Amino acid sequence: GFREAEILWNKSEQSWQLVAPVTQYVTAGALSHLKE
């Protein structure tokens, strides 16, 4: 799950938007940091 979160985090940064299913793996404060 941690590895999947890291992959989805990077894919979201690369595409400049949250990619599915990143919000299932990145939550709370970490999700706020990702959005920022």
PDB file of all heavy atoms in Angstrom:
ATOM      1  N   GLY A   1       0.815  -1.209   0.000  1.00  0.00           N
ATOM      2  CA  GLY A   1       0.000   0.000   0.000  1.00  0.00           C
ATOM      3  C   GLY A   1       0.845   1.254   0.000  1.00  0.00           C
ATOM      4  O   GLY A   1       0.529   2.241  -0.679  1.00  0.00           O
ATOM      5  N   PHE A   2       1.932   1.238   0.756  1.00  0.00           N
ATOM      6  CA  PHE A   2       2.846   2.378   0.784  1.00  0.00           C
ATOM      7  C   PHE A   2       3.458   2.609  -0.593  1.00  0.00           C
ATOM      8  O   PHE A   2       3.499   3.733  -1.082  1.00  0.00           O
ATOM      9  CB  PHE A   2       3.956   2.131   1.818  1.00  0.00           C
ATOM     10  CG  PHE A   2       5.044   3.166   1.786  1.00  0.00           C
ATOM     11  CD1 PHE A   2       4.865   4.386   2.401  1.00  0.00           C
ATOM     12  CD2 PHE A   2       6.249   2.917   1.128  1.00  0.00           C
ATOM     13  CE1 PHE A   2       5.866   5.353   2.370  1.00  0.00           C
ATOM     14  CE2 PHE A   2       7.244   3.866   1.095  1.00  0.00           C
ATOM     15  CZ  PHE A   2       7.054   5.087   1.721  1.00  0.00           C
ATOM     16  N   ARG A   3       3.904   1.546  -1.213  1.00  0.00           N
ATOM     17  CA  ARG A   3       4.507   1.672  -2.549  1.00  0.00           C
ATOM     18  C   ARG A   3       3.491   2.180  -3.564  1.00  0.00           C
ATOM     19  O   ARG A   3       3.804   3.026  -4.397  1.00  0.00           O
ATOM     20  CB  ARG A   3       5.097   0.333  -2.995  1.00  0.00           C
ATOM     21  CG  ARG A   3       6.345  -0.018  -2.231  1.00  0.00           C
ATOM     22  CD  ARG A   3       6.956  -1.313  -2.712  1.00  0.00           C
ATOM     23  NE  ARG A   3       8.189  -1.571  -1.992  1.00  0.00           N
ATOM     24  CZ  ARG A   3       8.582  -2.747  -1.575  1.00  0.00           C
ATOM     25  NH1 ARG A   3       7.864  -3.812  -1.844  1.00  0.00           N
ATOM     26  NH2 ARG A   3       9.709  -2.891  -0.923  1.00  0.00           N
ATOM     27  N   GLU A   4       2.264   1.676  -3.490  1.00  0.00           N
ATOM     28  CA  GLU A   4       1.223   2.144  -4.414  1.00  0.00           C
ATOM     29  C   GLU A   4       0.942   3.625  -4.186  1.00  0.00           C
ATOM     30  O   GLU A   4       0.763   4.386  -5.141  1.00  0.00           O
ATOM     31  CB  GLU A   4      -0.056   1.322  -4.230  1.00  0.00           C
ATOM     32  CG  GLU A   4      -1.126   1.636  -5.229  1.00  0.00           C
ATOM     33  CD  GLU A   4      -0.790   1.247  -6.657  1.00  0.00           C
ATOM     34  OE1 GLU A   4       0.115   0.417  -6.877  1.00  0.00           O
ATOM     35  OE2 GLU A   4      -1.447   1.783  -7.567  1.00  0.00           O
ATOM     36  N   ALA A   5       0.925   4.051  -2.936  1.00  0.00           N
ATOM     37  CA  ALA A   5       0.714   5.468  -2.627  1.00  0.00           C
ATOM     38  C   ALA A   5       1.814   6.325  -3.243  1.00  0.00           C
ATOM     39  O   ALA A   5       1.546   7.394  -3.811  1.00  0.00           O
ATOM     40  CB  ALA A   5       0.663   5.680  -1.115  1.00  0.00           C
ATOM     41  N   GLU A   6       3.051   5.876  -3.160  1.00  0.00           N
ATOM     42  CA  GLU A   6       4.169   6.621  -3.731  1.00  0.00           C
ATOM     43  C   GLU A   6       4.049   6.715  -5.252  1.00  0.00           C
ATOM     44  O   GLU A   6       4.282   7.766  -5.850  1.00  0.00           O
ATOM     45  CB  GLU A   6       5.504   5.976  -3.350  1.00  0.00           C
ATOM     46  CG  GLU A   6       5.864   6.136  -1.896  1.00  0.00           C
ATOM     47  CD  GLU A   6       6.081   7.583  -1.496  1.00  0.00           C
ATOM     48  OE1 GLU A   6       6.587   8.393  -2.304  1.00  0.00           O
ATOM     49  OE2 GLU A   6       5.739   7.914  -0.348  1.00  0.00           O
ATOM     50  N   ILE A   7       3.676   5.621  -5.886  1.00  0.00           N
ATOM     51  CA  ILE A   7       3.525   5.613  -7.347  1.00  0.00           C
ATOM     52  C   ILE A   7       2.409   6.564  -7.767  1.00  0.00           C
ATOM     53  O   ILE A   7       2.572   7.378  -8.681  1.00  0.00           O
ATOM     54  CB  ILE A   7       3.260   4.184  -7.855  1.00  0.00           C
ATOM     55  CG1 ILE A   7       4.520   3.330  -7.693  1.00  0.00           C
ATOM     56  CG2 ILE A   7       2.769   4.188  -9.300  1.00  0.00           C
ATOM     57  CD1 ILE A   7       4.288   1.838  -7.853  1.00  0.00           C
ATOM     58  N   LEU A   8       1.270   6.475  -7.084  1.00  0.00           N
ATOM     59  CA  LEU A   8       0.140   7.335  -7.432  1.00  0.00           C
ATOM     60  C   LEU A   8       0.431   8.805  -7.120  1.00  0.00           C
ATOM     61  O   LEU A   8      -0.038   9.700  -7.830  1.00  0.00           O
ATOM     62  CB  LEU A   8      -1.121   6.856  -6.709  1.00  0.00           C
ATOM     63  CG  LEU A   8      -1.645   5.497  -7.177  1.00  0.00           C
ATOM     64  CD1 LEU A   8      -2.712   4.967  -6.229  1.00  0.00           C
ATOM     65  CD2 LEU A   8      -2.158   5.580  -8.601  1.00  0.00           C
ATOM     66  N   TRP A   9       1.196   9.054  -6.075  1.00  0.00           N
ATOM     67  CA  TRP A   9       1.610  10.425  -5.742  1.00  0.00           C
ATOM     68  C   TRP A   9       2.409  10.993  -6.915  1.00  0.00           C
ATOM     69  O   TRP A   9       2.123  12.093  -7.395  1.00  0.00           O
ATOM     70  CB  TRP A   9       2.451  10.413  -4.466  1.00  0.00           C
ATOM     71  CG  TRP A   9       2.932  11.753  -4.000  1.00  0.00           C
ATOM     72  CD1 TRP A   9       3.806  12.597  -4.644  1.00  0.00           C
ATOM     73  CD2 TRP A   9       2.570  12.410  -2.801  1.00  0.00           C
ATOM     74  NE1 TRP A   9       4.019  13.723  -3.914  1.00  0.00           N
ATOM     75  CE2 TRP A   9       3.272  13.641  -2.778  1.00  0.00           C
ATOM     76  CE3 TRP A   9       1.752  12.087  -1.733  1.00  0.00           C
ATOM     77  CZ2 TRP A   9       3.160  14.540  -1.714  1.00  0.00           C
ATOM     78  CZ3 TRP A   9       1.646  12.985  -0.682  1.00  0.00           C
ATOM     79  CH2 TRP A   9       2.336  14.195  -0.685  1.00  0.00           C
ATOM     80  N   ASN A  10       3.401  10.253  -7.373  1.00  0.00           N
ATOM     81  CA  ASN A  10       4.234  10.733  -8.482  1.00  0.00           C
ATOM     82  C   ASN A  10       3.425  10.898  -9.767  1.00  0.00           C
ATOM     83  O   ASN A  10       3.598  11.883 -10.492  1.00  0.00           O
ATOM     84  CB  ASN A  10       5.425   9.803  -8.713  1.00  0.00           C
ATOM     85  CG  ASN A  10       6.471   9.947  -7.639  1.00  0.00           C
ATOM     86  OD1 ASN A  10       6.530  10.938  -6.930  1.00  0.00           O
ATOM     87  ND2 ASN A  10       7.311   8.942  -7.494  1.00  0.00           N
ATOM     88  N   LYS A  11       2.535   9.960 -10.054  1.00  0.00           N
ATOM     89  CA  LYS A  11       1.700  10.076 -11.254  1.00  0.00           C
ATOM     90  C   LYS A  11       0.797  11.305 -11.166  1.00  0.00           C
ATOM     91  O   LYS A  11       0.567  11.983 -12.173  1.00  0.00           O
ATOM     92  CB  LYS A  11       0.865   8.813 -11.454  1.00  0.00           C
ATOM     93  CG  LYS A  11       1.662   7.637 -11.957  1.00  0.00           C
ATOM     94  CD  LYS A  11       0.764   6.428 -12.192  1.00  0.00           C
ATOM     95  CE  LYS A  11       1.574   5.269 -12.757  1.00  0.00           C
ATOM     96  NZ  LYS A  11       0.733   4.109 -13.058  1.00  0.00           N
ATOM     97  N   SER A  12       0.288  11.589  -9.979  1.00  0.00           N
ATOM     98  CA  SER A  12      -0.546  12.772  -9.794  1.00  0.00           C
ATOM     99  C   SER A  12       0.257  14.046 -10.028  1.00  0.00           C
ATOM    100  O   SER A  12      -0.223  14.981 -10.684  1.00  0.00           O
ATOM    101  CB  SER A  12      -1.149  12.787  -8.387  1.00  0.00           C
ATOM    102  OG  SER A  12      -2.079  11.738  -8.214  1.00  0.00           O
ATOM    103  N   GLU A  13       1.474  14.078  -9.512  1.00  0.00           N
ATOM    104  CA  GLU A  13       2.323  15.249  -9.746  1.00  0.00           C
ATOM    105  C   GLU A  13       2.639  15.404 -11.231  1.00  0.00           C
ATOM    106  O   GLU A  13       2.618  16.516 -11.757  1.00  0.00           O
ATOM    107  CB  GLU A  13       3.622  15.144  -8.950  1.00  0.00           C
ATOM    108  CG  GLU A  13       3.464  15.490  -7.494  1.00  0.00           C
ATOM    109  CD  GLU A  13       4.790  15.615  -6.787  1.00  0.00           C
ATOM    110  OE1 GLU A  13       5.543  14.618  -6.753  1.00  0.00           O
ATOM    111  OE2 GLU A  13       5.071  16.705  -6.287  1.00  0.00           O
ATOM    112  N   GLN A  14       2.915  14.305 -11.898  1.00  0.00           N
ATOM    113  CA  GLN A  14       3.249  14.365 -13.326  1.00  0.00           C
ATOM    114  C   GLN A  14       2.075  14.854 -14.164  1.00  0.00           C
ATOM    115  O   GLN A  14       2.264  15.541 -15.164  1.00  0.00           O
ATOM    116  CB  GLN A  14       3.724  12.999 -13.825  1.00  0.00           C
ATOM    117  CG  GLN A  14       5.077  12.616 -13.293  1.00  0.00           C
ATOM    118  CD  GLN A  14       5.430  11.165 -13.575  1.00  0.00           C
ATOM    119  OE1 GLN A  14       4.574  10.342 -13.867  1.00  0.00           O
ATOM    120  NE2 GLN A  14       6.718  10.854 -13.482  1.00  0.00           N
ATOM    121  N   SER A  15       0.853  14.493 -13.780  1.00  0.00           N
ATOM    122  CA  SER A  15      -0.315  14.878 -14.582  1.00  0.00           C
ATOM    123  C   SER A  15      -0.982  16.157 -14.072  1.00  0.00           C
ATOM    124  O   SER A  15      -1.977  16.594 -14.646  1.00  0.00           O
ATOM    125  CB  SER A  15      -1.328  13.737 -14.619  1.00  0.00           C
ATOM    126  OG  SER A  15      -1.859  13.522 -13.326  1.00  0.00           O
ATOM    127  N   TRP A  16      -0.451  16.738 -13.000  1.00  0.00           N
ATOM    128  CA  TRP A  16      -0.979  17.975 -12.403  1.00  0.00           C
ATOM    129  C   TRP A  16      -2.426  17.842 -11.944  1.00  0.00           C
ATOM    130  O   TRP A  16      -3.173  18.796 -11.897  1.00  0.00           O
ATOM    131  CB  TRP A  16      -0.841  19.153 -13.355  1.00  0.00           C
ATOM    132  CG  TRP A  16       0.560  19.606 -13.603  1.00  0.00           C
ATOM    133  CD1 TRP A  16       1.653  19.407 -12.815  1.00  0.00           C
ATOM    134  CD2 TRP A  16       1.026  20.336 -14.734  1.00  0.00           C
ATOM    135  NE1 TRP A  16       2.756  19.964 -13.381  1.00  0.00           N
ATOM    136  CE2 TRP A  16       2.404  20.546 -14.564  1.00  0.00           C
ATOM    137  CE3 TRP A  16       0.403  20.832 -15.873  1.00  0.00           C
ATOM    138  CZ2 TRP A  16       3.176  21.233 -15.483  1.00  0.00           C
ATOM    139  CZ3 TRP A  16       1.176  21.525 -16.788  1.00  0.00           C
ATOM    140  CH2 TRP A  16       2.544  21.724 -16.595  1.00  0.00           C
ATOM    141  N   GLN A  17      -2.820  16.618 -11.572  1.00  0.00           N
ATOM    142  CA  GLN A  17      -4.148  16.384 -11.005  1.00  0.00           C
ATOM    143  C   GLN A  17      -4.129  15.068 -10.241  1.00  0.00           C
ATOM    144  O   GLN A  17      -3.252  14.229 -10.461  1.00  0.00           O
ATOM    145  CB  GLN A  17      -5.203  16.334 -12.095  1.00  0.00           C
ATOM    146  CG  GLN A  17      -5.010  15.203 -13.074  1.00  0.00           C
ATOM    147  CD  GLN A  17      -6.019  15.238 -14.200  1.00  0.00           C
ATOM    148  OE1 GLN A  17      -6.931  16.056 -14.186  1.00  0.00           O
ATOM    149  NE2 GLN A  17      -5.877  14.368 -15.179  1.00  0.00           N
ATOM    150  N   LEU A  18      -5.080  14.895  -9.335  1.00  0.00           N
ATOM    151  CA  LEU A  18      -5.164  13.643  -8.599  1.00  0.00           C
ATOM    152  C   LEU A  18      -5.600  12.535  -9.554  1.00  0.00           C
ATOM    153  O   LEU A  18      -6.588  12.681 -10.267  1.00  0.00           O
ATOM    154  CB  LEU A  18      -6.178  13.764  -7.455  1.00  0.00           C
ATOM    155  CG  LEU A  18      -5.843  14.788  -6.375  1.00  0.00           C
ATOM    156  CD1 LEU A  18      -6.971  14.834  -5.352  1.00  0.00           C
ATOM    157  CD2 LEU A  18      -4.516  14.495  -5.708  1.00  0.00           C
ATOM    158  N   VAL A  19      -4.843  11.456  -9.590  1.00  0.00           N
ATOM    159  CA  VAL A  19      -5.192  10.319 -10.442  1.00  0.00           C
ATOM    160  C   VAL A  19      -5.840   9.241  -9.583  1.00  0.00           C
ATOM    161  O   VAL A  19      -5.508   9.080  -8.411  1.00  0.00           O
ATOM    162  CB  VAL A  19      -3.959   9.751 -11.192  1.00  0.00           C
ATOM    163  CG1 VAL A  19      -3.351  10.785 -12.121  1.00  0.00           C
ATOM    164  CG2 VAL A  19      -2.915   9.225 -10.225  1.00  0.00           C
ATOM    165  N   ALA A  20      -6.776   8.530 -10.170  1.00  0.00           N
ATOM    166  CA  ALA A  20      -7.450   7.445  -9.447  1.00  0.00           C
ATOM    167  C   ALA A  20      -6.485   6.277  -9.300  1.00  0.00           C
ATOM    168  O   ALA A  20      -5.705   6.011 -10.200  1.00  0.00           O
ATOM    169  CB  ALA A  20      -8.697   7.022 -10.207  1.00  0.00           C
ATOM    170  N   PRO A  21      -6.494   5.615  -8.192  1.00  0.00           N
ATOM    171  CA  PRO A  21      -7.253   5.810  -6.957  1.00  0.00           C
ATOM    172  C   PRO A  21      -6.401   6.430  -5.852  1.00  0.00           C
ATOM    173  O   PRO A  21      -6.390   5.940  -4.719  1.00  0.00           O
ATOM    174  CB  PRO A  21      -7.678   4.400  -6.620  1.00  0.00           C
ATOM    175  CG  PRO A  21      -6.463   3.575  -7.018  1.00  0.00           C
ATOM    176  CD  PRO A  21      -5.903   4.285  -8.248  1.00  0.00           C
ATOM    177  N   VAL A  22      -5.674   7.503  -6.134  1.00  0.00           N
ATOM    178  CA  VAL A  22      -4.732   8.069  -5.168  1.00  0.00           C
ATOM    179  C   VAL A  22      -5.383   8.385  -3.822  1.00  0.00           C
ATOM    180  O   VAL A  22      -4.764   8.196  -2.777  1.00  0.00           O
ATOM    181  CB  VAL A  22      -3.996   9.309  -5.747  1.00  0.00           C
ATOM    182  CG1 VAL A  22      -4.919  10.499  -5.892  1.00  0.00           C
ATOM    183  CG2 VAL A  22      -2.788   9.673  -4.889  1.00  0.00           C
ATOM    184  N   THR A  23      -6.635   8.831  -3.818  1.00  0.00           N
ATOM    185  CA  THR A  23      -7.264   9.196  -2.547  1.00  0.00           C
ATOM    186  C   THR A  23      -7.608   7.987  -1.676  1.00  0.00           C
ATOM    187  O   THR A  23      -7.975   8.142  -0.523  1.00  0.00           O
ATOM    188  CB  THR A  23      -8.527  10.046  -2.784  1.00  0.00           C
ATOM    189  OG1 THR A  23      -9.414   9.336  -3.650  1.00  0.00           O
ATOM    190  CG2 THR A  23      -8.178  11.388  -3.397  1.00  0.00           C
ATOM    191  N   GLN A  24      -7.461   6.788  -2.215  1.00  0.00           N
ATOM    192  CA  GLN A  24      -7.607   5.591  -1.391  1.00  0.00           C
ATOM    193  C   GLN A  24      -6.317   5.282  -0.638  1.00  0.00           C
ATOM    194  O   GLN A  24      -6.329   4.534   0.336  1.00  0.00           O
ATOM    195  CB  GLN A  24      -8.000   4.394  -2.257  1.00  0.00           C
ATOM    196  CG  GLN A  24      -9.379   4.508  -2.849  1.00  0.00           C
ATOM    197  CD  GLN A  24      -9.725   3.328  -3.744  1.00  0.00           C
ATOM    198  OE1 GLN A  24      -9.031   2.305  -3.741  1.00  0.00           O
ATOM    199  NE2 GLN A  24     -10.778   3.482  -4.518  1.00  0.00           N
ATOM    200  N   TYR A  25      -5.204   5.840  -1.094  1.00  0.00           N
ATOM    201  CA  TYR A  25      -3.898   5.563  -0.502  1.00  0.00           C
ATOM    202  C   TYR A  25      -3.294   6.771   0.198  1.00  0.00           C
ATOM    203  O   TYR A  25      -2.545   6.620   1.154  1.00  0.00           O
ATOM    204  CB  TYR A  25      -2.927   5.078  -1.588  1.00  0.00           C
ATOM    205  CG  TYR A  25      -3.289   3.730  -2.156  1.00  0.00           C
ATOM    206  CD1 TYR A  25      -4.129   3.616  -3.256  1.00  0.00           C
ATOM    207  CD2 TYR A  25      -2.802   2.571  -1.574  1.00  0.00           C
ATOM    208  CE1 TYR A  25      -4.469   2.380  -3.778  1.00  0.00           C
ATOM    209  CE2 TYR A  25      -3.144   1.323  -2.083  1.00  0.00           C
ATOM    210  CZ  TYR A  25      -3.977   1.245  -3.182  1.00  0.00           C
ATOM    211  OH  TYR A  25      -4.316   0.002  -3.679  1.00  0.00           O
ATOM    212  N   VAL A  26      -3.562   7.953  -0.293  1.00  0.00           N
ATOM    213  CA  VAL A  26      -3.015   9.187   0.284  1.00  0.00           C
ATOM    214  C   VAL A  26      -4.177   9.924   0.927  1.00  0.00           C
ATOM    215  O   VAL A  26      -5.131  10.306   0.244  1.00  0.00           O
ATOM    216  CB  VAL A  26      -2.342  10.059  -0.798  1.00  0.00           C
ATOM    217  CG1 VAL A  26      -1.771  11.319  -0.183  1.00  0.00           C
ATOM    218  CG2 VAL A  26      -1.248   9.274  -1.521  1.00  0.00           C
ATOM    219  N   THR A  27      -4.122  10.116   2.244  1.00  0.00           N
ATOM    220  CA  THR A  27      -5.243  10.695   2.978  1.00  0.00           C
ATOM    221  C   THR A  27      -4.763  11.769   3.953  1.00  0.00           C
ATOM    222  O   THR A  27      -3.563  11.952   4.141  1.00  0.00           O
ATOM    223  CB  THR A  27      -6.000   9.609   3.762  1.00  0.00           C
ATOM    224  OG1 THR A  27      -5.097   9.000   4.688  1.00  0.00           O
ATOM    225  CG2 THR A  27      -6.577   8.540   2.839  1.00  0.00           C
ATOM    226  N   ALA A  28      -5.715  12.453   4.547  1.00  0.00           N
ATOM    227  CA  ALA A  28      -5.495  13.416   5.632  1.00  0.00           C
ATOM    228  C   ALA A  28      -4.465  14.473   5.238  1.00  0.00           C
ATOM    229  O   ALA A  28      -4.528  15.034   4.156  1.00  0.00           O
ATOM    230  CB  ALA A  28      -5.114  12.674   6.915  1.00  0.00           C
ATOM    231  N   GLY A  29      -3.517  14.719   6.123  1.00  0.00           N
ATOM    232  CA  GLY A  29      -2.512  15.760   5.889  1.00  0.00           C
ATOM    233  C   GLY A  29      -1.662  15.504   4.659  1.00  0.00           C
ATOM    234  O   GLY A  29      -1.286  16.439   3.947  1.00  0.00           O
ATOM    235  N   ALA A  30      -1.378  14.245   4.375  1.00  0.00           N
ATOM    236  CA  ALA A  30      -0.563  13.918   3.198  1.00  0.00           C
ATOM    237  C   ALA A  30      -1.300  14.306   1.920  1.00  0.00           C
ATOM    238  O   ALA A  30      -0.685  14.797   0.968  1.00  0.00           O
ATOM    239  CB  ALA A  30      -0.218  12.432   3.191  1.00  0.00           C
ATOM    240  N   LEU A  31      -2.617  14.129   1.898  1.00  0.00           N
ATOM    241  CA  LEU A  31      -3.390  14.506   0.722  1.00  0.00           C
ATOM    242  C   LEU A  31      -3.374  16.023   0.531  1.00  0.00           C
ATOM    243  O   LEU A  31      -3.252  16.510  -0.591  1.00  0.00           O
ATOM    244  CB  LEU A  31      -4.827  13.988   0.831  1.00  0.00           C
ATOM    245  CG  LEU A  31      -5.731  14.240  -0.371  1.00  0.00           C
ATOM    246  CD1 LEU A  31      -5.139  13.629  -1.641  1.00  0.00           C
ATOM    247  CD2 LEU A  31      -7.125  13.681  -0.107  1.00  0.00           C
ATOM    248  N   SER A  32      -3.437  16.758   1.611  1.00  0.00           N
ATOM    249  CA  SER A  32      -3.330  18.224   1.531  1.00  0.00           C
ATOM    250  C   SER A  32      -1.982  18.640   0.962  1.00  0.00           C
ATOM    251  O   SER A  32      -1.905  19.538   0.118  1.00  0.00           O
ATOM    252  CB  SER A  32      -3.523  18.860   2.911  1.00  0.00           C
ATOM    253  OG  SER A  32      -4.833  18.641   3.372  1.00  0.00           O
ATOM    254  N   HIS A  33      -0.915  17.976   1.411  1.00  0.00           N
ATOM    255  CA  HIS A  33       0.428  18.279   0.895  1.00  0.00           C
ATOM    256  C   HIS A  33       0.524  17.956  -0.594  1.00  0.00           C
ATOM    257  O   HIS A  33       1.139  18.707  -1.353  1.00  0.00           O
ATOM    258  CB  HIS A  33       1.503  17.506   1.662  1.00  0.00           C
ATOM    259  CG  HIS A  33       1.692  17.976   3.069  1.00  0.00           C
ATOM    260  ND1 HIS A  33       2.041  19.264   3.392  1.00  0.00           N
ATOM    261  CD2 HIS A  33       1.576  17.323   4.236  1.00  0.00           C
ATOM    262  CE1 HIS A  33       2.126  19.385   4.707  1.00  0.00           C
ATOM    263  NE2 HIS A  33       1.847  18.215   5.245  1.00  0.00           N
ATOM    264  N   LEU A  34      -0.062  16.855  -1.001  1.00  0.00           N
ATOM    265  CA  LEU A  34      -0.045  16.481  -2.414  1.00  0.00           C
ATOM    266  C   LEU A  34      -0.782  17.524  -3.248  1.00  0.00           C
ATOM    267  O   LEU A  34      -0.286  17.956  -4.291  1.00  0.00           O
ATOM    268  CB  LEU A  34      -0.659  15.097  -2.628  1.00  0.00           C
ATOM    269  CG  LEU A  34      -0.813  14.643  -4.087  1.00  0.00           C
ATOM    270  CD1 LEU A  34       0.521  14.675  -4.818  1.00  0.00           C
ATOM    271  CD2 LEU A  34      -1.456  13.267  -4.140  1.00  0.00           C
ATOM    272  N   LYS A  35      -1.950  17.947  -2.795  1.00  0.00           N
ATOM    273  CA  LYS A  35      -2.719  18.952  -3.525  1.00  0.00           C
ATOM    274  C   LYS A  35      -1.934  20.263  -3.647  1.00  0.00           C
ATOM    275  O   LYS A  35      -1.931  20.907  -4.702  1.00  0.00           O
ATOM    276  CB  LYS A  35      -4.058  19.198  -2.847  1.00  0.00           C
ATOM    277  CG  LYS A  35      -5.030  18.050  -3.016  1.00  0.00           C
ATOM    278  CD  LYS A  35      -6.327  18.318  -2.259  1.00  0.00           C
ATOM    279  CE  LYS A  35      -7.319  17.191  -2.415  1.00  0.00           C
ATOM    280  NZ  LYS A  35      -8.568  17.441  -1.643  1.00  0.00           N
ATOM    281  N   GLU A  36      -1.258  20.651  -2.575  1.00  0.00           N
ATOM    282  CA  GLU A  36      -0.434  21.864  -2.601  1.00  0.00           C
ATOM    283  C   GLU A  36       0.721  21.712  -3.586  1.00  0.00           C
ATOM    284  O   GLU A  36       1.036  22.637  -4.336  1.00  0.00           O
ATOM    285  CB  GLU A  36       0.109  22.170  -1.211  1.00  0.00           C
ATOM    286  CG  GLU A  36      -0.938  22.634  -0.230  1.00  0.00           C
ATOM    287  CD  GLU A  36      -0.425  22.721   1.194  1.00  0.00           C
ATOM    288  OE1 GLU A  36       0.819  22.694   1.406  1.00  0.00           O
ATOM    289  OE2 GLU A  36      -1.256  22.805   2.106  1.00  0.00           O
TER     290      GLU A  36
END
